Amino acid sequence: MTTKEAQHFVSNKIRKLRDEGYPQRQAVAIALEIARDRGYKVPAINRMERT
C-alpha cells in the first residue's frame, strides 16, 4: 500500500519527466525508482503487463 505522500511524489515526478520529453512508460519507471531510492514504499513494476 502506498501513502498519499508517495503517490503525490510519484505523480509530480512523472509530470516533470513527461515535460522533459520522456515517454510515459519510461517516466513511470524512473519516478518509481527514484521514489524507492528515497525510501517511499511503492509497488514494483509488473514487467509482464503491457498497456
Protein backbone atom coordinates (compact mmCIF):
# COMPACT_ATOMS: atom_id res chain seq x y z
CA MET A 1 0.00 0.00 0.00
CA THR A 2 1.41 3.37 -0.97
CA THR A 3 0.92 6.51 1.06
CA LYS A 4 -0.67 9.70 -0.23
CA GLU A 5 2.72 11.36 0.12
CA ALA A 6 4.34 8.68 -2.07
CA GLN A 7 1.55 8.95 -4.65
CA HIS A 8 1.96 12.73 -4.73
CA PHE A 9 5.74 12.44 -5.13
CA VAL A 10 5.50 9.90 -7.97
CA SER A 11 2.75 11.84 -9.74
CA ASN A 12 4.73 15.08 -9.66
CA LYS A 13 7.92 13.33 -10.77
CA ILE A 14 6.11 11.68 -13.72
CA ARG A 15 4.70 15.07 -14.77
CA LYS A 16 8.17 16.65 -14.68
CA LEU A 17 9.75 13.79 -16.62
CA ARG A 18 7.00 13.93 -19.27
CA ASP A 19 7.57 17.69 -19.59
CA GLU A 20 11.25 16.89 -20.19
CA GLY A 21 10.23 14.64 -23.09
CA TYR A 22 10.37 11.14 -21.60
CA PRO A 23 7.82 8.62 -22.89
CA GLN A 24 5.05 7.73 -20.39
CA ARG A 25 6.28 4.21 -19.55
CA GLN A 26 9.86 5.37 -19.06
CA ALA A 27 8.76 8.32 -16.91
CA VAL A 28 6.76 5.98 -14.66
CA ALA A 29 9.69 3.58 -14.30
CA ILE A 30 12.12 6.39 -13.45
CA ALA A 31 9.70 8.02 -10.99
CA LEU A 32 9.10 4.74 -9.15
CA GLU A 33 12.83 4.02 -8.98
CA ILE A 34 13.57 7.48 -7.56
CA ALA A 35 10.74 7.10 -5.04
CA ARG A 36 12.14 3.75 -3.88
CA ASP A 37 15.63 5.25 -3.58
CA ARG A 38 14.19 7.98 -1.34
CA GLY A 39 12.55 5.43 0.93
CA TYR A 40 8.94 5.58 -0.27
CA LYS A 41 7.09 2.28 -0.31
CA VAL A 42 5.87 1.92 -3.89
CA PRO A 43 4.92 -1.19 -5.84
CA ALA A 44 7.30 -2.94 -8.19
CA ILE A 45 6.76 -2.56 -11.91
CA ASN A 46 4.98 -5.57 -13.39
CA ARG A 47 7.12 -6.18 -16.47
CA MET A 48 4.70 -8.76 -17.86
CA GLU A 49 1.83 -6.28 -18.10
CA ARG A 50 1.84 -4.11 -21.23
CA THR A 51 -0.72 -1.35 -21.50
